[in-house]
Protein backbone atom coordinates (compact mmCIF):
# COMPACT_ATOMS: atom_id res chain seq x y z
CA UNK A 1 104.28 75.10 66.76
CA UNK A 2 100.75 75.74 65.54
CA UNK A 3 98.27 77.63 67.66
CA UNK A 4 96.08 74.56 67.93
CA UNK A 5 98.92 72.63 69.61
CA UNK A 6 99.44 75.14 72.40
CA UNK A 7 98.19 73.73 75.70
CA UNK A 8 97.57 76.39 78.36
CA UNK A 9 99.63 75.71 81.46
CA UNK A 10 98.34 76.38 84.95
CA UNK A 11 101.18 77.47 87.25
CA UNK A 12 99.98 75.78 90.43
CA UNK A 13 103.09 76.62 92.55
CA UNK A 14 102.66 80.31 91.73
CA UNK A 15 98.95 80.17 92.53
CA UNK A 16 99.60 78.32 95.80
CA UNK A 17 102.22 80.82 96.97
CA UNK A 18 100.04 83.70 95.83
CA UNK A 19 97.15 82.25 97.85
CA UNK A 20 99.37 82.04 100.94
CA UNK A 21 100.50 85.65 100.48
CA UNK A 22 96.85 86.69 100.14
CA UNK A 23 96.09 84.73 103.32
CA UNK A 24 98.75 86.65 105.26
CA UNK A 25 97.62 89.99 103.82
CA UNK A 26 93.97 89.47 104.71
CA UNK A 27 94.83 87.94 108.08
CA UNK A 28 96.39 91.25 109.09
CA UNK A 29 93.41 93.17 107.72
CA UNK A 30 90.95 90.96 109.56
CA UNK A 31 92.56 91.75 112.89
CA UNK A 32 90.93 95.19 112.68
CA UNK A 33 87.24 94.14 112.99
CA UNK A 34 88.28 91.19 115.19
CA UNK A 35 89.48 93.57 117.92
CA UNK A 36 86.44 95.86 117.75
CA UNK A 37 85.00 94.58 121.06
CA UNK A 38 88.36 95.27 122.73
CA UNK A 39 88.68 98.75 121.21
CA UNK A 40 85.06 99.58 122.02
CA UNK A 41 85.62 98.80 125.68
CA UNK A 42 89.09 100.39 125.97
CA UNK A 43 88.20 103.66 124.25
CA UNK A 44 84.46 103.84 125.12
CA UNK A 45 83.48 103.89 121.44
CA UNK A 46 79.91 103.78 120.12
CA UNK A 47 78.77 101.83 117.05
CA UNK A 48 79.03 104.90 114.83
CA UNK A 49 82.72 105.27 115.74
CA UNK A 50 83.24 101.56 115.08
CA UNK A 51 81.67 102.06 111.66
CA UNK A 52 83.96 105.02 111.01
CA UNK A 53 87.03 102.87 111.73
CA UNK A 54 85.84 100.43 109.07
CA UNK A 55 84.99 103.30 106.70
CA UNK A 56 88.47 104.81 107.07
CA UNK A 57 90.17 101.46 106.46
CA UNK A 58 87.98 100.55 103.52
CA UNK A 59 88.15 103.95 101.79
CA UNK A 60 91.93 104.02 102.12
CA UNK A 61 91.94 100.61 100.48
CA UNK A 62 89.47 101.66 97.79
CA UNK A 63 90.77 104.98 96.51
CA UNK A 64 94.17 103.85 95.23
CA UNK A 65 93.29 100.45 93.82
CA UNK A 66 91.80 101.54 90.46
CA UNK A 67 94.67 104.03 90.02
CA UNK A 68 97.27 101.36 90.77
CA UNK A 69 95.45 99.02 88.40
CA UNK A 70 95.47 101.53 85.52
CA UNK A 71 99.16 102.30 86.04
CA UNK A 72 100.18 98.64 86.14
CA UNK A 73 98.11 97.89 83.02
CA UNK A 74 100.48 100.19 81.13
CA UNK A 75 103.60 99.36 83.12
CA UNK A 76 103.44 96.10 85.09
CA UNK A 77 105.08 96.31 88.50
CA UNK A 78 105.60 92.73 89.74
CA UNK A 79 107.15 93.89 93.01
CA UNK A 80 104.51 96.48 93.89
CA UNK A 81 102.73 94.06 96.29
CA UNK A 82 105.93 94.05 98.37
CA UNK A 83 105.65 97.83 98.73
CA UNK A 84 102.02 97.42 99.75
CA UNK A 85 103.03 94.97 102.44
CA UNK A 86 105.39 97.61 103.89
CA UNK A 87 102.43 99.96 104.41
CA UNK A 88 100.48 97.14 106.06
CA UNK A 89 103.40 96.44 108.40
CA UNK A 90 103.64 100.11 109.40
CA UNK A 91 99.89 100.31 110.05
CA UNK A 92 99.89 97.15 112.12
CA UNK A 93 102.71 98.33 114.39
CA UNK A 94 101.04 101.73 114.74
CA UNK A 95 97.70 100.14 115.67
CA UNK A 96 99.38 97.95 118.29
CA UNK A 97 100.57 101.01 120.20
CA UNK A 98 97.80 103.49 119.33
CA UNK A 99 96.87 105.62 122.32
CA UNK A 100 93.94 107.55 120.84
CA UNK A 101 91.04 107.21 118.43
CA UNK A 102 92.82 109.46 115.91
CA UNK A 103 95.89 107.22 115.84
CA UNK A 104 93.62 104.19 115.37
CA UNK A 105 92.14 105.84 112.26
CA UNK A 106 95.61 106.65 110.87
CA UNK A 107 96.79 103.11 111.54
CA UNK A 108 93.89 101.41 109.76
CA UNK A 109 94.31 103.84 106.85
CA UNK A 110 97.90 102.65 106.40
CA UNK A 111 96.73 99.04 106.36
CA UNK A 112 94.09 99.97 103.78
CA UNK A 113 96.69 101.65 101.56
CA UNK A 114 98.79 98.50 101.76
CA UNK A 115 95.90 96.43 100.46
CA UNK A 116 95.20 98.92 97.69
CA UNK A 117 98.73 98.39 96.35
CA UNK A 118 98.70 94.61 96.87
CA UNK A 119 95.51 93.55 95.08
CA UNK A 120 95.71 94.86 91.46
CA UNK A 121 99.06 93.28 90.59
CA UNK A 122 98.28 90.14 92.59
CA UNK A 123 95.02 89.76 90.63
CA UNK A 124 96.95 90.10 87.37
CA UNK A 125 99.39 87.41 88.50
CA UNK A 126 96.52 85.03 89.28
CA UNK A 127 95.05 85.73 85.83
CA UNK A 128 98.38 85.07 84.06
CA UNK A 129 99.14 81.91 86.07
CA UNK A 130 95.69 80.40 85.47
CA UNK A 131 96.23 78.97 82.01
CA UNK A 132 92.76 77.85 80.93
CA UNK A 133 91.39 77.50 84.48
CA UNK A 134 90.48 81.04 85.44
CA UNK A 135 87.85 80.08 88.01
CA UNK A 136 90.23 77.71 89.78
CA UNK A 137 92.99 80.35 89.81
CA UNK A 138 90.78 83.08 91.22
CA UNK A 139 89.31 80.56 93.64
CA UNK A 140 92.76 79.64 94.99
CA UNK A 141 93.78 83.30 95.21
CA UNK A 142 90.59 84.32 96.96
CA UNK A 143 90.35 81.29 99.22
CA UNK A 144 93.69 82.39 100.60
CA UNK A 145 92.28 85.83 101.33
CA UNK A 146 89.05 84.47 102.77
CA UNK A 147 90.93 82.01 104.98
CA UNK A 148 93.18 84.79 106.24
CA UNK A 149 90.10 86.87 106.97
CA UNK A 150 88.59 83.97 108.88
CA UNK A 151 91.71 83.44 110.99
CA UNK A 152 91.65 87.00 112.32
CA UNK A 153 88.94 86.35 114.93
CA UNK A 154 90.74 83.15 116.04
CA UNK A 155 93.98 84.99 116.72
CA UNK A 156 92.00 87.77 118.36
CA UNK A 157 90.36 85.27 120.72
CA UNK A 158 93.54 83.31 121.45
CA UNK A 159 96.16 86.07 121.49
CA UNK A 160 94.86 89.64 121.37
CA UNK A 161 92.02 89.36 123.91
CA UNK A 162 94.21 87.76 126.62
CA UNK A 163 97.40 89.71 125.82
CA UNK A 164 95.91 93.04 124.85
CA UNK A 165 96.24 95.52 121.99
CA UNK A 166 100.11 95.59 121.95
CA UNK A 167 100.12 91.92 120.91
CA UNK A 168 99.10 93.08 117.43
CA UNK A 169 102.78 93.87 116.90
CA UNK A 170 103.56 90.14 116.99
CA UNK A 171 101.85 89.80 113.62
CA UNK A 172 104.69 91.74 111.99
CA UNK A 173 106.09 88.26 111.35
CA UNK A 174 103.18 87.68 108.94
CA UNK A 175 104.00 90.87 107.01
CA UNK A 176 107.69 89.98 106.71
CA UNK A 177 106.85 86.44 105.57
CA UNK A 178 104.47 87.79 102.94
CA UNK A 179 107.18 90.10 101.61
CA UNK A 180 109.53 87.16 101.01
CA UNK A 181 106.81 85.18 99.22
CA UNK A 182 105.90 88.16 97.04
CA UNK A 183 109.52 88.70 96.03
CA UNK A 184 109.61 85.09 94.78
CA UNK A 185 106.34 85.60 92.89
CA UNK A 186 107.70 88.77 91.28
CA UNK A 187 110.57 86.76 89.85
CA UNK A 188 108.10 84.44 88.06
CA UNK A 189 106.17 87.28 86.45
CA UNK A 190 108.08 87.41 83.16
CA UNK A 191 107.59 83.69 82.45
CA UNK A 192 103.90 83.51 83.30
CA UNK A 193 103.01 86.73 81.48
CA UNK A 194 104.72 85.45 78.32
CA UNK A 195 102.82 82.17 78.57
CA UNK A 196 99.54 84.03 79.04
CA UNK A 197 100.21 86.24 76.03
CA UNK A 198 100.93 83.16 73.88
CA UNK A 199 97.75 81.44 75.04
CA UNK A 200 95.65 84.52 74.41
CA UNK A 201 97.06 85.05 70.91
CA UNK A 202 96.31 81.43 70.06
CA UNK A 203 92.71 81.71 71.24
CA UNK A 204 92.11 84.98 69.40
CA UNK A 205 93.40 83.49 66.16
CA UNK A 206 90.84 80.67 66.42
CA UNK A 207 87.89 82.68 67.70
CA UNK A 208 85.49 84.84 65.74
CA UNK A 209 83.58 85.89 68.85
CA UNK A 210 82.89 89.66 68.71
CA UNK A 211 84.10 91.86 71.53
CA UNK A 212 81.38 93.20 73.89
CA UNK A 213 79.99 96.56 72.80
CA UNK A 214 80.61 99.66 74.88
CA UNK A 215 76.95 99.64 75.87
CA UNK A 216 77.16 96.06 77.14
CA UNK A 217 80.41 96.81 78.95
CA UNK A 218 78.82 99.81 80.69
CA UNK A 219 75.65 97.88 81.62
CA UNK A 220 77.62 94.85 82.76
CA UNK A 221 80.01 96.79 84.99
CA UNK A 222 77.13 98.83 86.46
CA UNK A 223 75.12 95.71 87.33
CA UNK A 224 78.16 93.91 88.74
CA UNK A 225 78.98 96.95 90.86
CA UNK A 226 75.44 97.06 92.25
CA UNK A 227 75.50 93.35 93.04
CA UNK A 228 78.86 93.78 94.75
CA UNK A 229 77.46 96.62 96.84
CA UNK A 230 74.44 94.68 98.10
CA UNK A 231 76.49 91.55 98.81
CA UNK A 232 79.12 93.56 100.64
CA UNK A 233 76.53 95.42 102.67
CA UNK A 234 75.07 92.18 103.97
CA UNK A 235 78.50 90.67 104.49
CA UNK A 236 79.71 93.73 106.37
CA UNK A 237 76.82 93.42 108.80
CA UNK A 238 78.50 90.20 109.90
CA UNK A 239 82.15 91.21 109.71
CA UNK A 240 81.63 94.32 111.83
CA UNK A 241 78.59 93.53 114.02
CA UNK A 242 78.14 89.75 114.22
CA UNK A 243 80.09 89.47 117.48
CA UNK A 244 77.94 92.22 119.04
CA UNK A 245 74.78 90.49 117.78
CA UNK A 246 75.73 87.18 119.38
CA UNK A 247 76.74 88.85 122.66
CA UNK A 248 73.58 90.97 122.86
CA UNK A 249 71.06 88.36 121.71
CA UNK A 250 72.48 85.20 123.28
CA UNK A 251 74.73 86.57 126.05
CA UNK A 252 77.82 84.68 124.85
CA UNK A 253 81.41 85.58 125.77
CA UNK A 254 83.73 87.65 123.56
CA UNK A 255 86.03 84.66 122.77
CA UNK A 256 83.00 82.54 121.82
CA UNK A 257 81.68 85.27 119.54
CA UNK A 258 85.10 85.59 117.88
CA UNK A 259 85.19 81.85 117.20
CA UNK A 260 81.72 82.02 115.66
CA UNK A 261 82.91 84.86 113.44
CA UNK A 262 85.79 82.61 112.39
CA UNK A 263 83.36 79.82 111.45
CA UNK A 264 81.25 82.28 109.48
CA UNK A 265 84.24 83.64 107.56
CA UNK A 266 85.68 80.18 106.95
CA UNK A 267 82.46 79.35 105.11
CA UNK A 268 83.31 82.17 102.71
CA UNK A 269 86.69 80.57 101.98
CA UNK A 270 84.99 77.31 101.05
CA UNK A 271 82.29 79.09 99.06
CA UNK A 272 84.65 81.16 96.94
CA UNK A 273 86.73 78.11 95.96
CA UNK A 274 83.66 76.01 95.09
CA UNK A 275 82.18 78.90 93.13
CA UNK A 276 85.38 79.37 91.13
CA UNK A 277 85.73 75.69 90.24
CA UNK A 278 82.05 75.20 89.35
CA UNK A 279 82.06 78.47 87.38
CA UNK A 280 84.73 77.01 85.05
CA UNK A 281 82.27 74.24 84.20
CA UNK A 282 78.81 75.83 84.15
CA UNK A 283 79.62 79.48 83.44
CA UNK A 284 79.84 82.63 85.54
CA UNK A 285 76.29 83.78 84.75
CA UNK A 286 74.65 80.80 86.45
CA UNK A 287 76.90 81.03 89.51
CA UNK A 288 76.07 84.72 89.94
CA UNK A 289 72.32 83.99 89.84
CA UNK A 290 72.60 81.22 92.42
CA UNK A 291 74.74 83.34 94.71
CA UNK A 292 72.68 86.53 94.71
CA UNK A 293 69.20 85.03 95.19
CA UNK A 294 69.95 81.70 96.85
CA UNK A 295 70.50 83.10 100.38
CA UNK A 296 67.18 85.02 100.51
CA UNK A 297 65.06 82.40 102.36
CA UNK A 298 67.88 81.90 104.87
CA UNK A 299 68.40 85.62 105.55
CA UNK A 300 64.67 86.06 106.23
CA UNK A 301 64.70 83.25 108.83
CA UNK A 302 67.96 84.25 110.53
CA UNK A 303 66.70 87.05 112.85
CA UNK A 304 64.23 84.65 114.49
CA UNK A 305 66.53 81.63 114.95
CA UNK A 306 68.00 80.32 118.21
CA UNK A 307 71.79 80.15 118.75
CA UNK A 308 72.31 76.78 117.05
CA UNK A 309 70.32 77.71 113.96
CA UNK A 310 71.84 81.20 113.90
CA UNK A 311 75.28 79.64 113.50
CA UNK A 312 74.03 77.07 110.96
CA UNK A 313 72.17 79.65 108.87
CA UNK A 314 75.05 82.14 108.82
CA UNK A 315 77.38 79.41 107.56
CA UNK A 316 74.99 78.48 104.74
CA UNK A 317 74.34 82.13 103.84
CA UNK A 318 78.01 83.02 103.55
CA UNK A 319 78.83 79.79 101.72
CA UNK A 320 76.32 80.67 99.00
CA UNK A 321 77.01 84.42 98.86
CA UNK A 322 80.79 84.00 98.63
CA UNK A 323 80.53 81.62 95.68
CA UNK A 324 80.00 84.47 93.21
CA UNK A 325 83.01 86.67 93.87
CA UNK A 326 85.39 84.84 91.53
CA UNK A 327 82.68 84.72 88.86
CA UNK A 328 81.93 88.44 89.19
CA UNK A 329 85.63 89.28 88.85
CA UNK A 330 86.21 87.00 85.85
CA UNK A 331 82.97 88.16 84.20
CA UNK A 332 84.25 91.75 84.46
CA UNK A 333 87.62 90.71 83.00
CA UNK A 334 85.83 89.16 80.02
CA UNK A 335 84.07 92.47 79.45
CA UNK A 336 87.41 94.35 79.48
CA UNK A 337 90.07 91.73 78.66
CA UNK A 338 92.84 94.29 78.12
CA UNK A 339 92.40 95.99 81.49
CA UNK A 340 93.13 93.26 84.02
CA UNK A 341 94.85 95.60 86.49
CA UNK A 342 92.02 98.12 86.28
CA UNK A 343 89.36 95.45 86.85
CA UNK A 344 91.29 93.96 89.75
CA UNK A 345 91.83 97.38 91.30
CA UNK A 346 88.28 98.51 90.61
CA UNK A 347 86.52 95.49 92.06
CA UNK A 348 88.81 94.98 95.02
CA UNK A 349 88.62 98.74 95.52
CA UNK A 350 84.84 98.57 95.35
CA UNK A 351 84.98 95.62 97.71
CA UNK A 352 86.77 97.86 100.22
CA UNK A 353 85.05 101.16 99.58
CA UNK A 354 81.46 99.94 99.38
CA UNK A 355 81.94 97.77 102.45
CA UNK A 356 83.31 100.79 104.32
CA UNK A 357 80.34 102.98 103.40
CA UNK A 358 78.03 100.13 104.37
CA UNK A 359 79.74 99.72 107.74
CA UNK A 360 79.31 103.40 108.56
CA UNK A 361 75.60 103.31 107.63
CA UNK A 362 75.02 100.05 109.45
CA UNK A 363 76.76 101.38 112.54
CA UNK A 364 74.40 104.35 112.64
CA UNK A 365 71.38 102.06 112.19
CA UNK A 366 72.62 99.82 115.01
CA UNK A 367 72.95 102.83 117.34
CA UNK A 368 69.41 104.01 116.57
CA UNK A 369 67.47 100.75 116.24
CA UNK A 370 69.69 98.11 117.85
CA UNK A 371 71.76 95.29 116.40
CA UNK A 372 68.86 92.80 116.28
CA UNK A 373 66.72 95.16 114.20
CA UNK A 374 69.70 95.75 111.94
CA UNK A 375 69.67 92.10 110.87
CA UNK A 376 65.93 92.22 110.21
CA UNK A 377 66.52 95.13 107.83
CA UNK A 378 69.50 93.52 106.11
CA UNK A 379 67.55 90.30 105.54
CA UNK A 380 65.90 91.89 102.48
CA UNK A 381 69.17 92.82 100.74
CA UNK A 382 69.42 89.60 98.63
CA UNK A 383 66.30 90.78 96.75
CA UNK A 384 68.63 93.20 94.96
CA UNK A 385 70.03 90.16 93.17
CA UNK A 386 67.17 90.47 90.67
CA UNK A 387 69.37 93.07 88.96
CA UNK A 388 71.39 90.14 87.55
CA UNK A 389 68.62 89.89 84.94
CA UNK A 390 70.21 92.86 83.13
CA UNK A 391 73.68 91.32 82.82
CA UNK A 392 74.67 90.96 79.15
CA UNK A 393 75.23 87.34 78.21
CA UNK A 394 78.76 86.46 77.15
CA UNK A 395 80.63 83.23 76.41
CA UNK A 396 81.84 82.88 79.99
CA UNK A 397 82.85 79.22 80.33
């Protein structure tokens, strides 16, 4: 068979199951910020302590991911996500029965470690199973995670708020289900990695495109990291403090605020899938530009809107902002095509770590200036998207 006759195959069943596993993983993670109002009341926590819970969780999820990615680049470990899910299960059970602030921090750290093991190899699997549709594959993988993150507040409102903190243990079923799905995915790894290697060899034999220089790689990764930081900082202001903002500004109930957080996060699931699909057609560079600067007029209006327009604007903001994550990840993979695990671990690790640092800083600002002022300050963050000007141009379609 000639290289020109090789048609890249997209393994849709693998991507679908991987998306479901990602949904279950991020559902369990999202239960942490979803129960913040309950924990704040039960343990008399201030906003700084709430931020420290997020920081602990996010740093635990950030520190190991690049290391896991580098190790699995040299020695793929298709069943490592199953091990990660075991840590998540342990952390979830521990959090359900935590009796002190210290145990809460230990519990969320275990959940963070679970995610740090899950994401690098899962990202590689999505890359291998994509065939020639990388944006679609990352979109499906990430829409699973975003949907799981959006469901956390719903379950918090329907189950955890009425039944209390111990009801977190019921979600062990999600961890066990994810383990079974990930075992099945691990069994497919040999086939899809061989198909990916064949596709890549065929493309390289037909392409004379030079590899990015070390300078462009360094500049590209630095700019992408900065964009990720600013996007995550704004996003974290919603994930950790949106419920408090709605309660304080509009005097809504906790269940109502949780449902609004669900709507906000669901917009991210839609945005990341649309961004991945459109990025396959128009290129990652254009999607990144639209995502980083597009929300600016909306973020400036948000602090002065009434309840209806607050909900409408937050949906539109997250829809646009989330559209770039798949493009940022694939853009980074194009810069370092031989280090898929490292890129997956680095950017998901950054996604955790930078968001955790942001949450701690935002919590301190909320304690000093109030939650409403916090959103006025964060409204200017999309201006940082001008840094996208320095991204090196690559053939990214």
